[in-house]
Amino acid sequence: MIDAAQLRAARGLLSLSQTDLAKSASVHVATIRRLEGAAEIRGAAETLWKIESALEEAGVEFIPANDTKGPGVRLKQRQR
């Protein structure tokens, strides 16, 4: 599951406003604001899935944490 920092970073990489992300994920903008400001993301699994899916569809890839590095986000490689 993604965390608040990844959510903010993904939105920033895509230059999406909170309103734009809310529309593409079919959730209310207040939901995006609440999740981005949370110390720990909590919410309905379906809502979180919609947001994560919308960001991935828009072109980001979420990177899970491992033994030496924390979680991250990056733009997907462009296909040639």
PDB file of N, CA and C in Angstrom:
ATOM      1  N   MET A   1       0.840  -1.181   0.000  1.00  0.00           N
ATOM      2  CA  MET A   1       0.000   0.000   0.000  1.00  0.00           C
ATOM      3  C   MET A   1       0.887   1.246   0.000  1.00  0.00           C
ATOM      4  N   ILE A   2       0.468   2.266  -0.704  1.00  0.00           N
ATOM      5  CA  ILE A   2       1.230   3.501  -0.785  1.00  0.00           C
ATOM      6  C   ILE A   2       1.053   4.332   0.485  1.00  0.00           C
ATOM      7  N   ASP A   3       2.001   5.240   0.703  1.00  0.00           N
ATOM      8  CA  ASP A   3       1.866   6.133   1.862  1.00  0.00           C
ATOM      9  C   ASP A   3       1.604   7.561   1.382  1.00  0.00           C
ATOM     10  N   ALA A   4       1.376   8.464   2.318  1.00  0.00           N
ATOM     11  CA  ALA A   4       1.012   9.840   1.989  1.00  0.00           C
ATOM     12  C   ALA A   4       2.095  10.545   1.187  1.00  0.00           C
ATOM     13  N   ALA A   5       3.360  10.305   1.535  1.00  0.00           N
ATOM     14  CA  ALA A   5       4.463  10.945   0.809  1.00  0.00           C
ATOM     15  C   ALA A   5       4.504  10.462  -0.639  1.00  0.00           C
ATOM     16  N   GLN A   6       4.269   9.177  -0.858  1.00  0.00           N
ATOM     17  CA  GLN A   6       4.236   8.654  -2.226  1.00  0.00           C
ATOM     18  C   GLN A   6       3.078   9.260  -3.007  1.00  0.00           C
ATOM     19  N   LEU A   7       1.954   9.416  -2.359  1.00  0.00           N
ATOM     20  CA  LEU A   7       0.788  10.009  -3.003  1.00  0.00           C
ATOM     21  C   LEU A   7       1.094  11.445  -3.450  1.00  0.00           C
ATOM     22  N   ARG A   8       1.663  12.233  -2.552  1.00  0.00           N
ATOM     23  CA  ARG A   8       2.021  13.616  -2.896  1.00  0.00           C
ATOM     24  C   ARG A   8       3.076  13.654  -3.997  1.00  0.00           C
ATOM     25  N   ALA A   9       4.082  12.783  -3.891  1.00  0.00           N
ATOM     26  CA  ALA A   9       5.162  12.758  -4.882  1.00  0.00           C
ATOM     27  C   ALA A   9       4.646  12.347  -6.255  1.00  0.00           C
ATOM     28  N   ALA A  10       3.784  11.343  -6.295  1.00  0.00           N
ATOM     29  CA  ALA A  10       3.231  10.881  -7.572  1.00  0.00           C
ATOM     30  C   ALA A  10       2.429  11.988  -8.230  1.00  0.00           C
ATOM     31  N   ARG A  11       1.622  12.653  -7.443  1.00  0.00           N
ATOM     32  CA  ARG A  11       0.814  13.756  -7.979  1.00  0.00           C
ATOM     33  C   ARG A  11       1.717  14.870  -8.491  1.00  0.00           C
ATOM     34  N   GLY A  12       2.798  15.145  -7.763  1.00  0.00           N
ATOM     35  CA  GLY A  12       3.749  16.176  -8.174  1.00  0.00           C
ATOM     36  C   GLY A  12       4.473  15.817  -9.463  1.00  0.00           C
ATOM     37  N   LEU A  13       4.903  14.573  -9.592  1.00  0.00           N
ATOM     38  CA  LEU A  13       5.586  14.142 -10.815  1.00  0.00           C
ATOM     39  C   LEU A  13       4.695  14.295 -12.040  1.00  0.00           C
ATOM     40  N   LEU A  14       3.406  14.099 -11.838  1.00  0.00           N
ATOM     41  CA  LEU A  14       2.454  14.183 -12.943  1.00  0.00           C
ATOM     42  C   LEU A  14       1.887  15.584 -13.131  1.00  0.00           C
ATOM     43  N   SER A  15       2.253  16.498 -12.257  1.00  0.00           N
ATOM     44  CA  SER A  15       1.720  17.866 -12.264  1.00  0.00           C
ATOM     45  C   SER A  15       0.195  17.880 -12.216  1.00  0.00           C
ATOM     46  N   LEU A  16      -0.352  17.018 -11.372  1.00  0.00           N
ATOM     47  CA  LEU A  16      -1.804  16.952 -11.189  1.00  0.00           C
ATOM     48  C   LEU A  16      -2.204  17.733  -9.946  1.00  0.00           C
ATOM     49  N   SER A  17      -3.286  18.468 -10.031  1.00  0.00           N
ATOM     50  CA  SER A  17      -3.836  19.103  -8.837  1.00  0.00           C
ATOM     51  C   SER A  17      -4.605  18.047  -8.049  1.00  0.00           C
ATOM     52  N   GLN A  18      -4.921  18.369  -6.812  1.00  0.00           N
ATOM     53  CA  GLN A  18      -5.744  17.450  -6.023  1.00  0.00           C
ATOM     54  C   GLN A  18      -7.093  17.245  -6.699  1.00  0.00           C
ATOM     55  N   THR A  19      -7.631  18.292  -7.278  1.00  0.00           N
ATOM     56  CA  THR A  19      -8.923  18.208  -7.969  1.00  0.00           C
ATOM     57  C   THR A  19      -8.831  17.293  -9.184  1.00  0.00           C
ATOM     58  N   ASP A  20      -7.755  17.433  -9.962  1.00  0.00           N
ATOM     59  CA  ASP A  20      -7.574  16.573 -11.135  1.00  0.00           C
ATOM     60  C   ASP A  20      -7.481  15.103 -10.738  1.00  0.00           C
ATOM     61  N   LEU A  21      -6.713  14.820  -9.697  1.00  0.00           N
ATOM     62  CA  LEU A  21      -6.579  13.433  -9.241  1.00  0.00           C
ATOM     63  C   LEU A  21      -7.914  12.904  -8.741  1.00  0.00           C
ATOM     64  N   ALA A  22      -8.627  13.717  -7.982  1.00  0.00           N
ATOM     65  CA  ALA A  22      -9.929  13.288  -7.470  1.00  0.00           C
ATOM     66  C   ALA A  22     -10.871  12.924  -8.619  1.00  0.00           C
ATOM     67  N   LYS A  23     -10.882  13.739  -9.657  1.00  0.00           N
ATOM     68  CA  LYS A  23     -11.746  13.451 -10.812  1.00  0.00           C
ATOM     69  C   LYS A  23     -11.338  12.160 -11.498  1.00  0.00           C
ATOM     70  N   SER A  24     -10.042  11.977 -11.737  1.00  0.00           N
ATOM     71  CA  SER A  24      -9.607  10.781 -12.449  1.00  0.00           C
ATOM     72  C   SER A  24      -9.784   9.510 -11.621  1.00  0.00           C
ATOM     73  N   ALA A  25      -9.787   9.640 -10.294  1.00  0.00           N
ATOM     74  CA  ALA A  25      -9.983   8.477  -9.423  1.00  0.00           C
ATOM     75  C   ALA A  25     -11.443   8.306  -8.994  1.00  0.00           C
ATOM     76  N   SER A  26     -12.300   9.240  -9.397  1.00  0.00           N
ATOM     77  CA  SER A  26     -13.726   9.200  -9.018  1.00  0.00           C
ATOM     78  C   SER A  26     -13.917   9.206  -7.504  1.00  0.00           C
ATOM     79  N   VAL A  27     -13.167  10.096  -6.843  1.00  0.00           N
ATOM     80  CA  VAL A  27     -13.328  10.294  -5.399  1.00  0.00           C
ATOM     81  C   VAL A  27     -13.464  11.801  -5.157  1.00  0.00           C
ATOM     82  N   HIS A  28     -13.858  12.177  -3.971  1.00  0.00           N
ATOM     83  CA  HIS A  28     -14.014  13.588  -3.629  1.00  0.00           C
ATOM     84  C   HIS A  28     -12.645  14.193  -3.335  1.00  0.00           C
ATOM     85  N   VAL A  29     -12.457  15.447  -3.692  1.00  0.00           N
ATOM     86  CA  VAL A  29     -11.187  16.128  -3.459  1.00  0.00           C
ATOM     87  C   VAL A  29     -10.831  16.158  -1.972  1.00  0.00           C
ATOM     88  N   ALA A  30     -11.822  16.182  -1.104  1.00  0.00           N
ATOM     89  CA  ALA A  30     -11.554  16.156   0.343  1.00  0.00           C
ATOM     90  C   ALA A  30     -10.866  14.851   0.747  1.00  0.00           C
ATOM     91  N   THR A  31     -11.151  13.788   0.043  1.00  0.00           N
ATOM     92  CA  THR A  31     -10.510  12.500   0.317  1.00  0.00           C
ATOM     93  C   THR A  31      -9.022  12.586  -0.005  1.00  0.00           C
ATOM     94  N   ILE A  32      -8.681  13.189  -1.128  1.00  0.00           N
ATOM     95  CA  ILE A  32      -7.273  13.351  -1.501  1.00  0.00           C
ATOM     96  C   ILE A  32      -6.562  14.218  -0.461  1.00  0.00           C
ATOM     97  N   ARG A  33      -7.172  15.329  -0.075  1.00  0.00           N
ATOM     98  CA  ARG A  33      -6.576  16.212   0.932  1.00  0.00           C
ATOM     99  C   ARG A  33      -6.331  15.479   2.248  1.00  0.00           C
ATOM    100  N   ARG A  34      -7.327  14.715   2.679  1.00  0.00           N
ATOM    101  CA  ARG A  34      -7.212  13.986   3.946  1.00  0.00           C
ATOM    102  C   ARG A  34      -6.087  12.960   3.883  1.00  0.00           C
ATOM    103  N   LEU A  35      -6.014  12.206   2.796  1.00  0.00           N
ATOM    104  CA  LEU A  35      -4.995  11.172   2.680  1.00  0.00           C
ATOM    105  C   LEU A  35      -3.595  11.759   2.580  1.00  0.00           C
ATOM    106  N   GLU A  36      -3.441  12.846   1.843  1.00  0.00           N
ATOM    107  CA  GLU A  36      -2.124  13.464   1.705  1.00  0.00           C
ATOM    108  C   GLU A  36      -1.635  14.074   3.014  1.00  0.00           C
ATOM    109  N   GLY A  37      -2.534  14.469   3.867  1.00  0.00           N
ATOM    110  CA  GLY A  37      -2.155  15.073   5.137  1.00  0.00           C
ATOM    111  C   GLY A  37      -2.031  14.094   6.282  1.00  0.00           C
ATOM    112  N   ALA A  38      -2.364  12.840   6.037  1.00  0.00           N
ATOM    113  CA  ALA A  38      -2.382  11.837   7.103  1.00  0.00           C
ATOM    114  C   ALA A  38      -0.980  11.310   7.401  1.00  0.00           C
ATOM    115  N   ALA A  39      -0.740  11.011   8.669  1.00  0.00           N
ATOM    116  CA  ALA A  39       0.523  10.376   9.055  1.00  0.00           C
ATOM    117  C   ALA A  39       0.546   8.938   8.550  1.00  0.00           C
ATOM    118  N   GLU A  40      -0.607   8.317   8.538  1.00  0.00           N
ATOM    119  CA  GLU A  40      -0.750   6.943   8.050  1.00  0.00           C
ATOM    120  C   GLU A  40      -2.029   6.884   7.225  1.00  0.00           C
ATOM    121  N   ILE A  41      -1.929   6.392   6.008  1.00  0.00           N
ATOM    122  CA  ILE A  41      -3.101   6.341   5.137  1.00  0.00           C
ATOM    123  C   ILE A  41      -4.066   5.274   5.629  1.00  0.00           C
ATOM    124  N   ARG A  42      -5.300   5.713   5.834  1.00  0.00           N
ATOM    125  CA  ARG A  42      -6.375   4.800   6.218  1.00  0.00           C
ATOM    126  C   ARG A  42      -7.590   5.160   5.391  1.00  0.00           C
ATOM    127  N   GLY A  43      -8.333   4.167   5.022  1.00  0.00           N
ATOM    128  CA  GLY A  43      -9.530   4.406   4.239  1.00  0.00           C
ATOM    129  C   GLY A  43     -10.029   3.106   3.653  1.00  0.00           C
ATOM    130  N   ALA A  44     -11.118   3.198   2.947  1.00  0.00           N
ATOM    131  CA  ALA A  44     -11.683   2.022   2.307  1.00  0.00           C
ATOM    132  C   ALA A  44     -10.717   1.514   1.242  1.00  0.00           C
ATOM    133  N   ALA A  45     -10.533   0.217   1.203  1.00  0.00           N
ATOM    134  CA  ALA A  45      -9.608  -0.385   0.234  1.00  0.00           C
ATOM    135  C   ALA A  45      -9.961   0.014  -1.191  1.00  0.00           C
ATOM    136  N   GLU A  46     -11.237   0.075  -1.511  1.00  0.00           N
ATOM    137  CA  GLU A  46     -11.657   0.434  -2.864  1.00  0.00           C
ATOM    138  C   GLU A  46     -11.231   1.860  -3.215  1.00  0.00           C
ATOM    139  N   THR A  47     -11.360   2.770  -2.273  1.00  0.00           N
ATOM    140  CA  THR A  47     -10.972   4.157  -2.497  1.00  0.00           C
ATOM    141  C   THR A  47      -9.467   4.261  -2.743  1.00  0.00           C
ATOM    142  N   LEU A  48      -8.686   3.605  -1.911  1.00  0.00           N
ATOM    143  CA  LEU A  48      -7.236   3.632  -2.070  1.00  0.00           C
ATOM    144  C   LEU A  48      -6.824   3.000  -3.387  1.00  0.00           C
ATOM    145  N   TRP A  49      -7.497   1.925  -3.773  1.00  0.00           N
ATOM    146  CA  TRP A  49      -7.208   1.258  -5.040  1.00  0.00           C
ATOM    147  C   TRP A  49      -7.510   2.183  -6.218  1.00  0.00           C
ATOM    148  N   LYS A  50      -8.615   2.913  -6.145  1.00  0.00           N
ATOM    149  CA  LYS A  50      -8.975   3.844  -7.218  1.00  0.00           C
ATOM    150  C   LYS A  50      -7.900   4.919  -7.396  1.00  0.00           C
ATOM    151  N   ILE A  51      -7.415   5.452  -6.296  1.00  0.00           N
ATOM    152  CA  ILE A  51      -6.409   6.514  -6.345  1.00  0.00           C
ATOM    153  C   ILE A  51      -5.091   5.972  -6.891  1.00  0.00           C
ATOM    154  N   GLU A  52      -4.645   4.852  -6.350  1.00  0.00           N
ATOM    155  CA  GLU A  52      -3.398   4.254  -6.806  1.00  0.00           C
ATOM    156  C   GLU A  52      -3.489   3.887  -8.289  1.00  0.00           C
ATOM    157  N   SER A  53      -4.592   3.313  -8.701  1.00  0.00           N
ATOM    158  CA  SER A  53      -4.791   2.925 -10.102  1.00  0.00           C
ATOM    159  C   SER A  53      -4.794   4.136 -11.028  1.00  0.00           C
ATOM    160  N   ALA A  54      -5.445   5.211 -10.613  1.00  0.00           N
ATOM    161  CA  ALA A  54      -5.494   6.428 -11.432  1.00  0.00           C
ATOM    162  C   ALA A  54      -4.095   7.000 -11.626  1.00  0.00           C
ATOM    163  N   LEU A  55      -3.288   6.989 -10.576  1.00  0.00           N
ATOM    164  CA  LEU A  55      -1.923   7.501 -10.681  1.00  0.00           C
ATOM    165  C   LEU A  55      -1.058   6.609 -11.564  1.00  0.00           C
ATOM    166  N   GLU A  56      -1.218   5.305 -11.422  1.00  0.00           N
ATOM    167  CA  GLU A  56      -0.451   4.374 -12.257  1.00  0.00           C
ATOM    168  C   GLU A  56      -0.860   4.506 -13.723  1.00  0.00           C
ATOM    169  N   GLU A  57      -2.131   4.648 -13.966  1.00  0.00           N
ATOM    170  CA  GLU A  57      -2.617   4.813 -15.333  1.00  0.00           C
ATOM    171  C   GLU A  57      -2.096   6.115 -15.947  1.00  0.00           C
ATOM    172  N   ALA A  58      -1.911   7.126 -15.111  1.00  0.00           N
ATOM    173  CA  ALA A  58      -1.415   8.416 -15.579  1.00  0.00           C
ATOM    174  C   ALA A  58       0.089   8.399 -15.841  1.00  0.00           C
ATOM    175  N   GLY A  59       0.779   7.359 -15.347  1.00  0.00           N
ATOM    176  CA  GLY A  59       2.188   7.231 -15.700  1.00  0.00           C
ATOM    177  C   GLY A  59       3.212   7.104 -14.596  1.00  0.00           C
ATOM    178  N   VAL A  60       2.787   6.809 -13.373  1.00  0.00           N
ATOM    179  CA  VAL A  60       3.779   6.608 -12.315  1.00  0.00           C
ATOM    180  C   VAL A  60       3.840   5.148 -11.903  1.00  0.00           C
ATOM    181  N   GLU A  61       4.951   4.817 -11.288  1.00  0.00           N
ATOM    182  CA  GLU A  61       5.171   3.475 -10.757  1.00  0.00           C
ATOM    183  C   GLU A  61       5.549   3.631  -9.289  1.00  0.00           C
ATOM    184  N   PHE A  62       4.883   2.897  -8.435  1.00  0.00           N
ATOM    185  CA  PHE A  62       5.190   2.941  -7.008  1.00  0.00           C
ATOM    186  C   PHE A  62       6.256   1.903  -6.702  1.00  0.00           C
ATOM    187  N   ILE A  63       7.255   2.329  -5.930  1.00  0.00           N
ATOM    188  CA  ILE A  63       8.387   1.475  -5.595  1.00  0.00           C
ATOM    189  C   ILE A  63       8.267   1.096  -4.119  1.00  0.00           C
ATOM    190  N   PRO A  64       8.177  -0.195  -3.828  1.00  0.00           N
ATOM    191  CA  PRO A  64       8.062  -0.607  -2.422  1.00  0.00           C
ATOM    192  C   PRO A  64       9.394  -0.443  -1.680  1.00  0.00           C
ATOM    193  N   ALA A  65       9.316  -0.334  -0.384  1.00  0.00           N
ATOM    194  CA  ALA A  65      10.511  -0.268   0.446  1.00  0.00           C
ATOM    195  C   ALA A  65      11.201  -1.632   0.426  1.00  0.00           C
ATOM    196  N   ASN A  66      12.524  -1.611   0.645  1.00  0.00           N
ATOM    197  CA  ASN A  66      13.247  -2.872   0.809  1.00  0.00           C
ATOM    198  C   ASN A  66      14.120  -2.771   2.047  1.00  0.00           C
ATOM    199  N   ASP A  67      15.072  -3.662   2.197  1.00  0.00           N
ATOM    200  CA  ASP A  67      15.894  -3.696   3.409  1.00  0.00           C
ATOM    201  C   ASP A  67      16.762  -2.454   3.601  1.00  0.00           C
ATOM    202  N   THR A  68      17.111  -1.777   2.514  1.00  0.00           N
ATOM    203  CA  THR A  68      18.030  -0.645   2.630  1.00  0.00           C
ATOM    204  C   THR A  68      17.435   0.696   2.241  1.00  0.00           C
ATOM    205  N   LYS A  69      16.295   0.681   1.558  1.00  0.00           N
ATOM    206  CA  LYS A  69      15.714   1.932   1.075  1.00  0.00           C
ATOM    207  C   LYS A  69      14.229   1.991   1.387  1.00  0.00           C
ATOM    208  N   GLY A  70      13.735   3.202   1.532  1.00  0.00           N
ATOM    209  CA  GLY A  70      12.314   3.405   1.793  1.00  0.00           C
ATOM    210  C   GLY A  70      11.502   3.367   0.508  1.00  0.00           C
ATOM    211  N   PRO A  71      10.197   3.516   0.628  1.00  0.00           N
ATOM    212  CA  PRO A  71       9.322   3.482  -0.545  1.00  0.00           C
ATOM    213  C   PRO A  71       9.531   4.720  -1.402  1.00  0.00           C
ATOM    214  N   GLY A  72       9.154   4.614  -2.661  1.00  0.00           N
ATOM    215  CA  GLY A  72       9.314   5.752  -3.556  1.00  0.00           C
ATOM    216  C   GLY A  72       8.315   5.715  -4.690  1.00  0.00           C
ATOM    217  N   VAL A  73       8.532   6.597  -5.629  1.00  0.00           N
ATOM    218  CA  VAL A  73       7.673   6.696  -6.811  1.00  0.00           C
ATOM    219  C   VAL A  73       8.530   7.228  -7.951  1.00  0.00           C
ATOM    220  N   ARG A  74       8.253   6.773  -9.152  1.00  0.00           N
ATOM    221  CA  ARG A  74       8.976   7.264 -10.319  1.00  0.00           C
ATOM    222  C   ARG A  74       8.053   7.237 -11.524  1.00  0.00           C
ATOM    223  N   LEU A  75       8.439   7.974 -12.551  1.00  0.00           N
ATOM    224  CA  LEU A  75       7.693   7.935 -13.796  1.00  0.00           C
ATOM    225  C   LEU A  75       8.001   6.627 -14.493  1.00  0.00           C
ATOM    226  N   LYS A  76       6.999   6.056 -15.114  1.00  0.00           N
ATOM    227  CA  LYS A  76       7.221   4.832 -15.893  1.00  0.00           C
ATOM    228  C   LYS A  76       8.072   5.163 -17.092  1.00  0.00           C
ATOM    229  N   GLN A  77       8.841   4.198 -17.519  1.00  0.00           N
ATOM    230  CA  GLN A  77       9.668   4.400 -18.709  1.00  0.00           C
ATOM    231  C   GLN A  77       8.784   4.584 -19.917  1.00  0.00           C
ATOM    232  N   ARG A  78       9.106   5.558 -20.682  1.00  0.00           N
ATOM    233  CA  ARG A  78       8.331   5.823 -21.894  1.00  0.00           C
ATOM    234  C   ARG A  78       8.633   4.771 -22.937  1.00  0.00           C
ATOM    235  N   GLN A  79       7.582   4.292 -23.591  1.00  0.00           N
ATOM    236  CA  GLN A  79       7.773   3.314 -24.659  1.00  0.00           C
ATOM    237  C   GLN A  79       8.165   4.045 -25.928  1.00  0.00           C
ATOM    238  N   ARG A  80       9.069   3.450 -26.665  1.00  0.00           N
ATOM    239  CA  ARG A  80       9.555   4.077 -27.898  1.00  0.00           C
ATOM    240  C   ARG A  80       8.904   3.493 -29.091  1.00  0.00           C
TER     241      ARG A  80
END
